[in-house]
Amino acid sequence: MRVSDPPKRFWPSLDENEQAALREAGRIKTFRRDMPLCYEGELSSHVMIILKGWAKVTVADPEGRATMIALRGPDEIVGEIGALNQRPRTATIIALQAVNALIVPGTRFTAFLTGHPGAWPKVVDTMAVKLSEAGHRISQYSTLQGAPRLAAFMLGLAEQYGIEDPEGGIEIPPLSQAELGSCVDSSRETVARAFRDWRERGLIRTGWRKTVLLDLAGLAEHP
């Protein structure tokens, strides 16, 4: 059982000189759990490179209900679209756990790209992947609820972030049941019930902040 190779994260795609230049241009900031990294509609233009922790990306529908469209974690860049087009933020990003991020003001980020043109394709690649991911997840969430939505989300995590576990299976990012529930707009109790069922059926293996998918096809066929 294998997953496809995930897209390379933004930070590791940079060479040492590019990384050093961005560190010089920015500062490290810590965001507490449930603290927004940015708000949909705001005009701030800084970019953020997540160094530690996980955050969810949400968009609001016309009635103001928030829909989670993506997860962002270590080595990923967020906020780059607002920095480049100088338009309002397209999404709200909220820390699911303590997040450390490198904050780079928009003007310094654009100056960085001017001085390091080799970084441009790496930014464009990340934006293309994100747009495709967001469209897929919005479509998926419109038809699924509860445990099936959770299963689909976890399969997406396996494809995008999964690593092979030495004991077998694919380990997904270390999110608690409450954090997974927040990602799919479900209660912790809904996640706990689904996990009990999936463990009994041999679909997953769990531990402290560790979830390993043992049968991707089984999860994909969740009723």
N, C-alpha and C. Protein backbone atom coordinates (compact mmCIF):
# COMPACT_ATOMS: atom_id res chain seq x y z
N MET A 1 0.85 -1.20 0.00
CA MET A 1 0.00 0.00 0.00
C MET A 1 0.88 1.23 0.00
N ARG A 2 0.72 2.05 -1.02
CA ARG A 2 1.51 3.26 -1.13
C ARG A 2 0.60 4.40 -1.53
N VAL A 3 1.05 5.62 -1.28
CA VAL A 3 0.37 6.79 -1.79
C VAL A 3 1.28 7.43 -2.80
N SER A 4 0.71 8.26 -3.67
CA SER A 4 1.53 8.95 -4.66
C SER A 4 2.44 9.95 -3.96
N ASP A 5 3.56 10.26 -4.61
CA ASP A 5 4.49 11.21 -4.02
C ASP A 5 3.80 12.57 -3.88
N PRO A 6 3.80 13.18 -2.67
CA PRO A 6 3.13 14.46 -2.49
C PRO A 6 3.92 15.57 -3.14
N PRO A 7 3.25 16.72 -3.45
CA PRO A 7 3.98 17.85 -4.00
C PRO A 7 5.04 18.32 -3.00
N LYS A 8 6.17 18.77 -3.52
CA LYS A 8 7.23 19.24 -2.64
C LYS A 8 6.80 20.52 -1.95
N ARG A 9 7.05 20.61 -0.64
CA ARG A 9 6.68 21.80 0.12
C ARG A 9 7.53 23.00 -0.30
N PHE A 10 6.97 24.19 -0.07
CA PHE A 10 7.62 25.41 -0.54
C PHE A 10 9.00 25.61 0.08
N TRP A 11 9.07 25.52 1.41
CA TRP A 11 10.34 25.84 2.08
C TRP A 11 11.49 24.93 1.66
N PRO A 12 11.31 23.61 1.63
CA PRO A 12 12.41 22.75 1.18
C PRO A 12 12.76 22.94 -0.29
N SER A 13 11.82 23.50 -1.08
CA SER A 13 12.12 23.71 -2.50
C SER A 13 13.10 24.85 -2.74
N LEU A 14 13.24 25.72 -1.73
CA LEU A 14 14.18 26.85 -1.84
C LEU A 14 15.60 26.39 -1.57
N ASP A 15 16.57 27.04 -2.23
CA ASP A 15 17.96 26.73 -1.92
C ASP A 15 18.39 27.49 -0.66
N GLU A 16 19.59 27.25 -0.20
CA GLU A 16 20.05 27.84 1.06
C GLU A 16 20.07 29.35 1.01
N ASN A 17 20.47 29.93 -0.10
CA ASN A 17 20.51 31.39 -0.23
C ASN A 17 19.12 31.99 -0.18
N GLU A 18 18.17 31.32 -0.82
CA GLU A 18 16.79 31.81 -0.81
C GLU A 18 16.20 31.72 0.60
N GLN A 19 16.45 30.63 1.27
CA GLN A 19 15.95 30.50 2.65
C GLN A 19 16.55 31.57 3.55
N ALA A 20 17.86 31.81 3.41
CA ALA A 20 18.52 32.82 4.25
C ALA A 20 17.95 34.20 3.97
N ALA A 21 17.66 34.50 2.72
CA ALA A 21 17.11 35.82 2.37
C ALA A 21 15.73 36.02 2.97
N LEU A 22 14.91 34.98 2.98
CA LEU A 22 13.58 35.11 3.57
C LEU A 22 13.65 35.23 5.08
N ARG A 23 14.54 34.48 5.70
CA ARG A 23 14.72 34.63 7.16
C ARG A 23 15.11 36.06 7.50
N GLU A 24 15.99 36.64 6.70
CA GLU A 24 16.46 38.01 6.95
C GLU A 24 15.32 39.01 6.76
N ALA A 25 14.39 38.70 5.84
CA ALA A 25 13.31 39.63 5.53
C ALA A 25 12.15 39.55 6.53
N GLY A 26 12.08 38.45 7.29
CA GLY A 26 10.93 38.25 8.16
C GLY A 26 11.25 38.08 9.62
N ARG A 27 10.26 37.65 10.37
CA ARG A 27 10.40 37.40 11.81
C ARG A 27 9.53 36.20 12.18
N ILE A 28 9.90 35.53 13.24
CA ILE A 28 9.15 34.37 13.70
C ILE A 28 8.03 34.82 14.64
N LYS A 29 6.85 34.27 14.45
CA LYS A 29 5.72 34.57 15.32
C LYS A 29 5.02 33.28 15.69
N THR A 30 4.55 33.20 16.95
CA THR A 30 3.81 32.03 17.42
C THR A 30 2.33 32.36 17.51
N PHE A 31 1.50 31.49 16.97
CA PHE A 31 0.05 31.63 17.04
C PHE A 31 -0.49 30.52 17.94
N ARG A 32 -1.27 30.91 18.95
CA ARG A 32 -1.87 29.93 19.84
C ARG A 32 -2.99 29.17 19.13
N ARG A 33 -3.37 28.05 19.72
CA ARG A 33 -4.49 27.26 19.19
C ARG A 33 -5.73 28.13 19.05
N ASP A 34 -6.43 28.00 17.94
CA ASP A 34 -7.65 28.74 17.60
C ASP A 34 -7.39 30.20 17.26
N MET A 35 -6.14 30.61 17.19
CA MET A 35 -5.81 31.99 16.85
C MET A 35 -5.70 32.13 15.33
N PRO A 36 -6.37 33.14 14.73
CA PRO A 36 -6.29 33.31 13.28
C PRO A 36 -4.90 33.80 12.84
N LEU A 37 -4.41 33.20 11.76
CA LEU A 37 -3.19 33.71 11.14
C LEU A 37 -3.55 34.87 10.21
N CYS A 38 -4.73 34.83 9.62
CA CYS A 38 -5.24 35.92 8.81
C CYS A 38 -6.74 35.73 8.63
N TYR A 39 -7.42 36.79 8.20
CA TYR A 39 -8.87 36.76 8.02
C TYR A 39 -9.24 36.94 6.56
N GLU A 40 -10.27 36.22 6.13
CA GLU A 40 -10.82 36.42 4.79
C GLU A 40 -11.32 37.85 4.66
N GLY A 41 -10.94 38.51 3.58
CA GLY A 41 -11.40 39.87 3.31
C GLY A 41 -10.49 40.97 3.80
N GLU A 42 -9.53 40.66 4.68
CA GLU A 42 -8.64 41.70 5.18
C GLU A 42 -7.62 42.09 4.11
N LEU A 43 -7.02 43.26 4.28
CA LEU A 43 -6.13 43.81 3.26
C LEU A 43 -4.65 43.64 3.58
N SER A 44 -4.32 42.98 4.68
CA SER A 44 -2.91 42.79 5.02
C SER A 44 -2.22 41.96 3.93
N SER A 45 -0.93 42.22 3.72
CA SER A 45 -0.25 41.61 2.58
C SER A 45 0.95 40.75 2.97
N HIS A 46 1.15 40.47 4.25
CA HIS A 46 2.31 39.66 4.61
C HIS A 46 2.07 38.19 4.23
N VAL A 47 3.16 37.49 3.99
CA VAL A 47 3.09 36.06 3.74
C VAL A 47 3.60 35.33 4.98
N MET A 48 3.19 34.09 5.12
CA MET A 48 3.58 33.29 6.28
C MET A 48 4.08 31.94 5.81
N ILE A 49 5.22 31.53 6.33
CA ILE A 49 5.74 30.20 6.06
C ILE A 49 5.66 29.42 7.37
N ILE A 50 4.83 28.41 7.41
CA ILE A 50 4.64 27.63 8.63
C ILE A 50 5.87 26.77 8.88
N LEU A 51 6.43 26.91 10.06
CA LEU A 51 7.61 26.14 10.44
C LEU A 51 7.25 24.97 11.34
N LYS A 52 6.18 25.14 12.13
CA LYS A 52 5.75 24.10 13.07
C LYS A 52 4.26 24.24 13.31
N GLY A 53 3.57 23.10 13.41
CA GLY A 53 2.15 23.13 13.72
C GLY A 53 1.28 23.05 12.47
N TRP A 54 -0.04 22.99 12.71
CA TRP A 54 -1.01 22.83 11.63
C TRP A 54 -2.12 23.86 11.77
N ALA A 55 -2.64 24.30 10.62
CA ALA A 55 -3.71 25.29 10.59
C ALA A 55 -4.72 24.90 9.53
N LYS A 56 -5.98 25.31 9.73
CA LYS A 56 -7.01 25.03 8.73
C LYS A 56 -7.36 26.31 7.98
N VAL A 57 -7.72 26.12 6.71
CA VAL A 57 -8.09 27.22 5.83
C VAL A 57 -9.59 27.15 5.59
N THR A 58 -10.31 28.24 5.84
CA THR A 58 -11.76 28.24 5.68
C THR A 58 -12.20 29.41 4.80
N VAL A 59 -13.32 29.22 4.12
CA VAL A 59 -13.97 30.30 3.38
C VAL A 59 -15.42 30.38 3.83
N ALA A 60 -16.00 31.56 3.74
CA ALA A 60 -17.38 31.77 4.18
C ALA A 60 -18.32 31.78 2.99
N ASP A 61 -19.51 31.15 3.17
CA ASP A 61 -20.52 31.20 2.13
C ASP A 61 -21.33 32.49 2.28
N PRO A 62 -22.27 32.78 1.39
CA PRO A 62 -23.03 34.04 1.48
C PRO A 62 -23.76 34.23 2.80
N GLU A 63 -24.09 33.12 3.50
CA GLU A 63 -24.77 33.22 4.79
C GLU A 63 -23.79 33.35 5.95
N GLY A 64 -22.49 33.35 5.63
CA GLY A 64 -21.48 33.50 6.67
C GLY A 64 -20.99 32.21 7.28
N ARG A 65 -21.47 31.07 6.81
CA ARG A 65 -21.01 29.79 7.34
C ARG A 65 -19.63 29.46 6.79
N ALA A 66 -18.74 29.03 7.68
CA ALA A 66 -17.36 28.74 7.27
C ALA A 66 -17.24 27.30 6.81
N THR A 67 -16.57 27.10 5.69
CA THR A 67 -16.28 25.77 5.17
C THR A 67 -14.77 25.58 5.12
N MET A 68 -14.30 24.50 5.72
CA MET A 68 -12.88 24.20 5.71
C MET A 68 -12.49 23.65 4.33
N ILE A 69 -11.51 24.25 3.67
CA ILE A 69 -11.14 23.84 2.32
C ILE A 69 -9.72 23.28 2.24
N ALA A 70 -8.92 23.44 3.28
CA ALA A 70 -7.54 22.95 3.19
C ALA A 70 -6.92 22.89 4.57
N LEU A 71 -5.86 22.12 4.65
CA LEU A 71 -5.02 22.04 5.85
C LEU A 71 -3.62 22.50 5.43
N ARG A 72 -2.97 23.25 6.30
CA ARG A 72 -1.61 23.71 6.02
C ARG A 72 -0.72 23.36 7.19
N GLY A 73 0.51 22.93 6.88
CA GLY A 73 1.43 22.50 7.92
C GLY A 73 2.86 22.89 7.64
N PRO A 74 3.79 22.25 8.33
CA PRO A 74 5.20 22.62 8.24
C PRO A 74 5.72 22.70 6.81
N ASP A 75 6.50 23.75 6.55
CA ASP A 75 7.18 24.01 5.27
C ASP A 75 6.28 24.59 4.20
N GLU A 76 5.01 24.89 4.54
CA GLU A 76 4.10 25.44 3.53
C GLU A 76 3.98 26.95 3.68
N ILE A 77 3.75 27.60 2.54
CA ILE A 77 3.57 29.05 2.52
C ILE A 77 2.08 29.35 2.43
N VAL A 78 1.64 30.38 3.16
CA VAL A 78 0.25 30.82 3.10
C VAL A 78 0.23 32.34 2.98
N GLY A 79 -0.82 32.86 2.37
CA GLY A 79 -0.97 34.30 2.24
C GLY A 79 -0.24 34.89 1.05
N GLU A 80 0.33 34.06 0.18
CA GLU A 80 1.12 34.60 -0.92
C GLU A 80 0.26 35.26 -1.99
N ILE A 81 -0.98 34.79 -2.15
CA ILE A 81 -1.84 35.39 -3.18
C ILE A 81 -2.14 36.85 -2.84
N GLY A 82 -2.50 37.10 -1.58
CA GLY A 82 -2.78 38.47 -1.16
C GLY A 82 -1.56 39.37 -1.28
N ALA A 83 -0.38 38.82 -1.04
CA ALA A 83 0.84 39.63 -1.13
C ALA A 83 1.15 40.00 -2.57
N LEU A 84 0.85 39.11 -3.50
CA LEU A 84 1.21 39.35 -4.89
C LEU A 84 0.19 40.19 -5.65
N ASN A 85 -1.11 40.00 -5.36
CA ASN A 85 -2.10 40.78 -6.12
C ASN A 85 -2.63 41.99 -5.36
N GLN A 86 -2.20 42.14 -4.10
CA GLN A 86 -2.59 43.29 -3.28
C GLN A 86 -4.11 43.46 -3.23
N ARG A 87 -4.80 42.33 -3.09
CA ARG A 87 -6.24 42.33 -2.96
C ARG A 87 -6.61 41.66 -1.64
N PRO A 88 -7.87 41.76 -1.20
CA PRO A 88 -8.26 41.18 0.09
C PRO A 88 -7.96 39.68 0.16
N ARG A 89 -7.73 39.21 1.37
CA ARG A 89 -7.48 37.80 1.60
C ARG A 89 -8.65 36.95 1.08
N THR A 90 -8.33 35.82 0.50
CA THR A 90 -9.36 34.94 -0.04
C THR A 90 -9.86 33.90 0.96
N ALA A 91 -9.22 33.81 2.15
CA ALA A 91 -9.62 32.80 3.12
C ALA A 91 -9.16 33.21 4.51
N THR A 92 -9.76 32.59 5.50
CA THR A 92 -9.32 32.71 6.89
C THR A 92 -8.48 31.49 7.23
N ILE A 93 -7.38 31.70 7.95
CA ILE A 93 -6.52 30.59 8.36
C ILE A 93 -6.44 30.60 9.88
N ILE A 94 -6.77 29.47 10.51
CA ILE A 94 -6.85 29.37 11.96
C ILE A 94 -5.96 28.25 12.46
N ALA A 95 -5.17 28.53 13.48
CA ALA A 95 -4.28 27.52 14.05
C ALA A 95 -5.08 26.43 14.73
N LEU A 96 -4.82 25.18 14.37
CA LEU A 96 -5.44 24.04 15.04
C LEU A 96 -4.68 23.66 16.31
N GLN A 97 -3.42 24.04 16.36
CA GLN A 97 -2.54 23.82 17.50
C GLN A 97 -1.52 24.95 17.46
N ALA A 98 -0.60 25.00 18.39
CA ALA A 98 0.40 26.06 18.38
C ALA A 98 1.16 26.03 17.05
N VAL A 99 1.23 27.19 16.40
CA VAL A 99 1.88 27.31 15.10
C VAL A 99 3.01 28.34 15.19
N ASN A 100 4.19 27.95 14.74
CA ASN A 100 5.29 28.89 14.57
C ASN A 100 5.43 29.19 13.08
N ALA A 101 5.46 30.47 12.74
CA ALA A 101 5.52 30.85 11.33
C ALA A 101 6.51 31.98 11.11
N LEU A 102 7.14 31.96 9.96
CA LEU A 102 8.00 33.06 9.53
C LEU A 102 7.12 34.06 8.80
N ILE A 103 7.02 35.28 9.35
CA ILE A 103 6.17 36.32 8.79
C ILE A 103 7.03 37.27 7.95
N VAL A 104 6.67 37.42 6.67
CA VAL A 104 7.43 38.28 5.76
C VAL A 104 6.49 39.33 5.19
N PRO A 105 6.74 40.63 5.43
CA PRO A 105 5.89 41.67 4.85
C PRO A 105 5.81 41.56 3.33
N GLY A 106 4.66 41.93 2.78
CA GLY A 106 4.45 41.78 1.35
C GLY A 106 5.48 42.48 0.50
N THR A 107 5.86 43.71 0.88
CA THR A 107 6.84 44.44 0.08
C THR A 107 8.19 43.74 0.10
N ARG A 108 8.55 43.16 1.23
CA ARG A 108 9.81 42.43 1.30
C ARG A 108 9.74 41.12 0.53
N PHE A 109 8.55 40.51 0.51
CA PHE A 109 8.42 39.26 -0.23
C PHE A 109 8.54 39.51 -1.73
N THR A 110 7.91 40.56 -2.23
CA THR A 110 8.03 40.86 -3.66
C THR A 110 9.46 41.25 -4.00
N ALA A 111 10.14 41.97 -3.09
CA ALA A 111 11.55 42.30 -3.32
C ALA A 111 12.40 41.03 -3.34
N PHE A 112 12.06 40.07 -2.48
CA PHE A 112 12.77 38.79 -2.48
C PHE A 112 12.62 38.10 -3.83
N LEU A 113 11.41 38.08 -4.38
CA LEU A 113 11.19 37.42 -5.66
C LEU A 113 11.92 38.13 -6.79
N THR A 114 12.00 39.45 -6.70
CA THR A 114 12.74 40.21 -7.71
C THR A 114 14.23 39.86 -7.66
N GLY A 115 14.74 39.74 -6.45
CA GLY A 115 16.15 39.43 -6.28
C GLY A 115 16.51 37.97 -6.46
N HIS A 116 15.49 37.10 -6.39
CA HIS A 116 15.72 35.66 -6.52
C HIS A 116 14.69 35.10 -7.51
N PRO A 117 14.84 35.40 -8.78
CA PRO A 117 13.84 34.99 -9.78
C PRO A 117 13.63 33.48 -9.84
N GLY A 118 14.60 32.69 -9.39
CA GLY A 118 14.41 31.25 -9.39
C GLY A 118 13.35 30.78 -8.44
N ALA A 119 12.93 31.65 -7.50
CA ALA A 119 11.89 31.28 -6.54
C ALA A 119 10.49 31.44 -7.13
N TRP A 120 10.35 32.21 -8.20
CA TRP A 120 9.04 32.45 -8.79
C TRP A 120 8.31 31.16 -9.16
N PRO A 121 8.94 30.25 -9.92
CA PRO A 121 8.22 29.02 -10.29
C PRO A 121 7.77 28.21 -9.08
N LYS A 122 8.52 28.29 -8.00
CA LYS A 122 8.17 27.53 -6.80
C LYS A 122 6.91 28.11 -6.15
N VAL A 123 6.77 29.43 -6.19
CA VAL A 123 5.55 30.05 -5.68
C VAL A 123 4.36 29.72 -6.56
N VAL A 124 4.56 29.80 -7.87
CA VAL A 124 3.48 29.50 -8.82
C VAL A 124 3.01 28.06 -8.67
N ASP A 125 3.95 27.14 -8.48
CA ASP A 125 3.58 25.74 -8.30
C ASP A 125 2.69 25.55 -7.09
N THR A 126 3.03 26.20 -5.97
CA THR A 126 2.23 26.05 -4.77
C THR A 126 0.83 26.61 -4.96
N MET A 127 0.72 27.74 -5.66
CA MET A 127 -0.60 28.33 -5.89
C MET A 127 -1.46 27.43 -6.78
N ALA A 128 -0.87 26.83 -7.79
CA ALA A 128 -1.62 25.95 -8.68
C ALA A 128 -2.16 24.74 -7.93
N VAL A 129 -1.34 24.15 -7.07
CA VAL A 129 -1.76 22.99 -6.28
C VAL A 129 -2.90 23.38 -5.34
N LYS A 130 -2.78 24.54 -4.71
CA LYS A 130 -3.81 24.97 -3.76
C LYS A 130 -5.15 25.21 -4.44
N LEU A 131 -5.15 25.84 -5.62
CA LEU A 131 -6.40 26.11 -6.32
C LEU A 131 -7.10 24.81 -6.71
N SER A 132 -6.34 23.85 -7.17
CA SER A 132 -6.92 22.55 -7.53
C SER A 132 -7.48 21.86 -6.29
N GLU A 133 -6.74 21.91 -5.20
CA GLU A 133 -7.16 21.26 -3.96
C GLU A 133 -8.44 21.89 -3.42
N ALA A 134 -8.51 23.22 -3.44
CA ALA A 134 -9.68 23.92 -2.89
C ALA A 134 -10.94 23.57 -3.67
N GLY A 135 -10.86 23.56 -4.99
CA GLY A 135 -12.02 23.24 -5.80
C GLY A 135 -12.50 21.83 -5.55
N HIS A 136 -11.58 20.90 -5.43
CA HIS A 136 -11.95 19.51 -5.18
C HIS A 136 -12.62 19.36 -3.83
N ARG A 137 -12.10 20.02 -2.80
CA ARG A 137 -12.64 19.83 -1.47
C ARG A 137 -14.01 20.48 -1.33
N ILE A 138 -14.22 21.64 -1.93
CA ILE A 138 -15.53 22.28 -1.87
C ILE A 138 -16.58 21.38 -2.52
N SER A 139 -16.24 20.80 -3.66
CA SER A 139 -17.16 19.88 -4.34
C SER A 139 -17.45 18.66 -3.48
N GLN A 140 -16.41 18.13 -2.87
CA GLN A 140 -16.54 16.93 -2.04
C GLN A 140 -17.41 17.20 -0.82
N TYR A 141 -17.18 18.34 -0.16
CA TYR A 141 -17.91 18.64 1.07
C TYR A 141 -19.38 18.93 0.82
N SER A 142 -19.73 19.29 -0.39
CA SER A 142 -21.13 19.59 -0.67
C SER A 142 -21.99 18.33 -0.71
N THR A 143 -21.35 17.15 -0.81
CA THR A 143 -22.11 15.91 -0.93
C THR A 143 -21.91 14.95 0.23
N LEU A 144 -20.96 15.21 1.12
CA LEU A 144 -20.65 14.28 2.20
C LEU A 144 -20.87 14.93 3.56
N GLN A 145 -21.24 14.11 4.54
CA GLN A 145 -21.42 14.57 5.91
C GLN A 145 -20.87 13.50 6.85
N GLY A 146 -20.60 13.89 8.11
CA GLY A 146 -20.25 12.94 9.15
C GLY A 146 -19.04 12.08 8.84
N ALA A 147 -19.18 10.76 9.13
CA ALA A 147 -18.06 9.84 8.97
C ALA A 147 -17.57 9.74 7.52
N PRO A 148 -18.45 9.71 6.50
CA PRO A 148 -17.94 9.68 5.13
C PRO A 148 -17.09 10.89 4.78
N ARG A 149 -17.49 12.08 5.27
CA ARG A 149 -16.67 13.27 5.02
C ARG A 149 -15.32 13.14 5.71
N LEU A 150 -15.32 12.64 6.94
CA LEU A 150 -14.08 12.44 7.67
C LEU A 150 -13.17 11.45 6.94
N ALA A 151 -13.74 10.36 6.44
CA ALA A 151 -12.95 9.37 5.71
C ALA A 151 -12.32 10.00 4.48
N ALA A 152 -13.10 10.77 3.73
CA ALA A 152 -12.58 11.42 2.53
C ALA A 152 -11.46 12.40 2.87
N PHE A 153 -11.64 13.12 3.98
CA PHE A 153 -10.62 14.08 4.40
C PHE A 153 -9.33 13.37 4.77
N MET A 154 -9.43 12.29 5.51
CA MET A 154 -8.24 11.56 5.93
C MET A 154 -7.52 10.92 4.74
N LEU A 155 -8.27 10.47 3.75
CA LEU A 155 -7.65 9.93 2.54
C LEU A 155 -6.91 11.04 1.80
N GLY A 156 -7.47 12.24 1.81
CA GLY A 156 -6.78 13.38 1.21
C GLY A 156 -5.48 13.70 1.94
N LEU A 157 -5.52 13.62 3.28
CA LEU A 157 -4.30 13.84 4.06
C LEU A 157 -3.24 12.80 3.72
N ALA A 158 -3.68 11.55 3.55
CA ALA A 158 -2.74 10.48 3.22
C ALA A 158 -2.08 10.74 1.88
N GLU A 159 -2.86 11.21 0.92
CA GLU A 159 -2.31 11.47 -0.41
C GLU A 159 -1.36 12.66 -0.40
N GLN A 160 -1.72 13.70 0.37
CA GLN A 160 -0.94 14.93 0.34
C GLN A 160 0.22 14.93 1.32
N TYR A 161 0.01 14.34 2.50
CA TYR A 161 1.01 14.44 3.56
C TYR A 161 1.48 13.09 4.11
N GLY A 162 0.87 12.00 3.65
CA GLY A 162 1.12 10.71 4.27
C GLY A 162 2.55 10.19 4.13
N ILE A 163 2.99 9.47 5.16
CA ILE A 163 4.29 8.81 5.14
C ILE A 163 4.08 7.35 5.51
N GLU A 164 4.90 6.48 4.96
CA GLU A 164 4.75 5.06 5.25
C GLU A 164 5.21 4.76 6.68
N ASP A 165 4.36 4.04 7.41
CA ASP A 165 4.68 3.66 8.78
C ASP A 165 5.51 2.37 8.78
N PRO A 166 6.54 2.28 9.63
CA PRO A 166 7.38 1.08 9.65
C PRO A 166 6.60 -0.20 9.92
N GLU A 167 5.48 -0.09 10.65
CA GLU A 167 4.68 -1.27 10.97
C GLU A 167 3.59 -1.53 9.94
N GLY A 168 3.59 -0.75 8.87
CA GLY A 168 2.59 -0.91 7.83
C GLY A 168 1.55 0.19 7.86
N GLY A 169 1.03 0.54 6.70
CA GLY A 169 0.03 1.58 6.60
C GLY A 169 0.64 2.94 6.30
N ILE A 170 -0.24 3.94 6.21
CA ILE A 170 0.15 5.32 5.91
C ILE A 170 -0.21 6.21 7.08
N GLU A 171 0.78 6.84 7.67
CA GLU A 171 0.54 7.75 8.78
C GLU A 171 0.19 9.13 8.26
N ILE A 172 -0.88 9.73 8.81
CA ILE A 172 -1.29 11.08 8.44
C ILE A 172 -0.80 12.07 9.50
N PRO A 173 -0.91 13.38 9.26
CA PRO A 173 -0.42 14.38 10.22
C PRO A 173 -0.99 14.16 11.62
N PRO A 174 -0.21 14.55 12.66
CA PRO A 174 -0.58 14.26 14.06
C PRO A 174 -1.65 15.20 14.60
N LEU A 175 -2.88 14.99 14.15
CA LEU A 175 -4.00 15.79 14.61
C LEU A 175 -4.84 14.99 15.60
N SER A 176 -5.31 15.67 16.64
CA SER A 176 -6.17 15.00 17.61
C SER A 176 -7.55 14.79 17.00
N GLN A 177 -8.38 14.00 17.70
CA GLN A 177 -9.74 13.78 17.22
C GLN A 177 -10.53 15.09 17.19
N ALA A 178 -10.29 15.95 18.17
CA ALA A 178 -10.98 17.25 18.19
C ALA A 178 -10.55 18.10 16.99
N GLU A 179 -9.26 18.06 16.66
CA GLU A 179 -8.75 18.84 15.54
C GLU A 179 -9.27 18.30 14.21
N LEU A 180 -9.33 16.98 14.09
CA LEU A 180 -9.91 16.38 12.88
C LEU A 180 -11.38 16.77 12.75
N GLY A 181 -12.10 16.76 13.87
CA GLY A 181 -13.49 17.17 13.84
C GLY A 181 -13.64 18.61 13.39
N SER A 182 -12.75 19.48 13.86
CA SER A 182 -12.79 20.88 13.46
C SER A 182 -12.57 21.02 11.96
N CYS A 183 -11.72 20.17 11.41
CA CYS A 183 -11.41 20.25 9.99
C CYS A 183 -12.61 19.90 9.12
N VAL A 184 -13.48 19.03 9.61
CA VAL A 184 -14.60 18.56 8.79
C VAL A 184 -15.95 18.99 9.37
N ASP A 185 -15.93 19.96 10.27
CA ASP A 185 -17.16 20.49 10.86
C ASP A 185 -17.99 19.41 11.54
N SER A 186 -17.32 18.51 12.25
CA SER A 186 -17.99 17.46 13.01
C SER A 186 -17.54 17.52 14.46
N SER A 187 -18.32 16.94 15.34
CA SER A 187 -17.97 16.93 16.75
C SER A 187 -16.89 15.89 17.02
N ARG A 188 -16.22 16.04 18.17
CA ARG A 188 -15.23 15.06 18.58
C ARG A 188 -15.89 13.69 18.76
N GLU A 189 -17.16 13.70 19.23
CA GLU A 189 -17.86 12.44 19.44
C GLU A 189 -18.09 11.71 18.12
N THR A 190 -18.39 12.46 17.05
CA THR A 190 -18.56 11.84 15.74
C THR A 190 -17.27 11.18 15.28
N VAL A 191 -16.15 11.88 15.49
CA VAL A 191 -14.85 11.33 15.11
C VAL A 191 -14.54 10.09 15.94
N ALA A 192 -14.80 10.16 17.24
CA ALA A 192 -14.50 9.03 18.13
C ALA A 192 -15.30 7.79 17.72
N ARG A 193 -16.58 7.97 17.38
CA ARG A 193 -17.41 6.83 16.96
C ARG A 193 -16.87 6.22 15.67
N ALA A 194 -16.51 7.10 14.72
CA ALA A 194 -15.97 6.60 13.45
C ALA A 194 -14.66 5.85 13.68
N PHE A 195 -13.81 6.39 14.54
CA PHE A 195 -12.53 5.73 14.81
C PHE A 195 -12.72 4.36 15.45
N ARG A 196 -13.68 4.25 16.38
CA ARG A 196 -13.94 2.94 17.01
C ARG A 196 -14.37 1.93 15.95
N ASP A 197 -15.27 2.35 15.08
CA ASP A 197 -15.75 1.47 14.03
C ASP A 197 -14.61 1.06 13.09
N TRP A 198 -13.79 2.03 12.69
CA TRP A 198 -12.71 1.75 11.74
C TRP A 198 -11.61 0.89 12.36
N ARG A 199 -11.35 1.08 13.66
CA ARG A 199 -10.36 0.21 14.32
C ARG A 199 -10.86 -1.23 14.35
N GLU A 200 -12.15 -1.41 14.69
CA GLU A 200 -12.71 -2.75 14.75
C GLU A 200 -12.69 -3.44 13.39
N ARG A 201 -12.81 -2.67 12.35
CA ARG A 201 -12.81 -3.22 10.99
C ARG A 201 -11.40 -3.32 10.39
N GLY A 202 -10.40 -2.91 11.16
CA GLY A 202 -9.03 -3.00 10.68
C GLY A 202 -8.66 -1.98 9.63
N LEU A 203 -9.39 -0.86 9.61
CA LEU A 203 -9.11 0.16 8.60
C LEU A 203 -8.04 1.15 9.06
N ILE A 204 -7.92 1.35 10.39
CA ILE A 204 -6.95 2.30 10.91
C ILE A 204 -6.30 1.73 12.17
N ARG A 205 -5.18 2.30 12.54
CA ARG A 205 -4.52 2.04 13.82
C ARG A 205 -4.22 3.40 14.44
N THR A 206 -4.48 3.54 15.75
CA THR A 206 -4.31 4.84 16.39
C THR A 206 -3.44 4.74 17.63
N GLY A 207 -2.86 5.88 18.00
CA GLY A 207 -2.09 6.04 19.22
C GLY A 207 -2.15 7.50 19.60
N TRP A 208 -1.29 7.92 20.55
CA TRP A 208 -1.29 9.32 20.98
C TRP A 208 -0.87 10.20 19.81
N ARG A 209 -1.80 11.02 19.34
CA ARG A 209 -1.59 11.91 18.21
C ARG A 209 -0.96 11.18 17.02
N LYS A 210 -1.42 9.96 16.82
CA LYS A 210 -0.93 9.18 15.69
C LYS A 210 -2.09 8.39 15.10
N THR A 211 -2.31 8.57 13.81
CA THR A 211 -3.33 7.82 13.10
C THR A 211 -2.70 7.23 11.84
N VAL A 212 -2.81 5.92 11.71
CA VAL A 212 -2.25 5.20 10.56
C VAL A 212 -3.40 4.57 9.78
N LEU A 213 -3.48 4.87 8.50
CA LEU A 213 -4.50 4.27 7.65
C LEU A 213 -3.98 2.94 7.14
N LEU A 214 -4.71 1.87 7.46
CA LEU A 214 -4.27 0.52 7.09
C LEU A 214 -4.92 0.02 5.80
N ASP A 215 -6.11 0.52 5.50
CA ASP A 215 -6.84 0.05 4.32
C ASP A 215 -7.48 1.25 3.64
N LEU A 216 -6.75 1.86 2.70
CA LEU A 216 -7.26 3.04 2.01
C LEU A 216 -8.50 2.72 1.19
N ALA A 217 -8.50 1.54 0.55
CA ALA A 217 -9.67 1.18 -0.26
C ALA A 217 -10.89 0.99 0.63
N GLY A 218 -10.70 0.41 1.81
CA GLY A 218 -11.81 0.24 2.73
C GLY A 218 -12.40 1.55 3.19
N LEU A 219 -11.55 2.52 3.49
CA LEU A 219 -12.02 3.84 3.89
C LEU A 219 -12.74 4.54 2.73
N ALA A 220 -12.21 4.35 1.52
CA ALA A 220 -12.82 4.99 0.36
C ALA A 220 -14.23 4.46 0.09
N GLU A 221 -14.48 3.22 0.53
CA GLU A 221 -15.79 2.61 0.33
C GLU A 221 -16.70 2.77 1.53
N HIS A 222 -16.29 3.67 2.46
CA HIS A 222 -17.11 3.88 3.67
C HIS A 222 -18.54 4.18 3.30
N PRO A 223 -19.51 3.49 3.92
CA PRO A 223 -20.92 3.71 3.58
C PRO A 223 -21.39 5.09 4.00
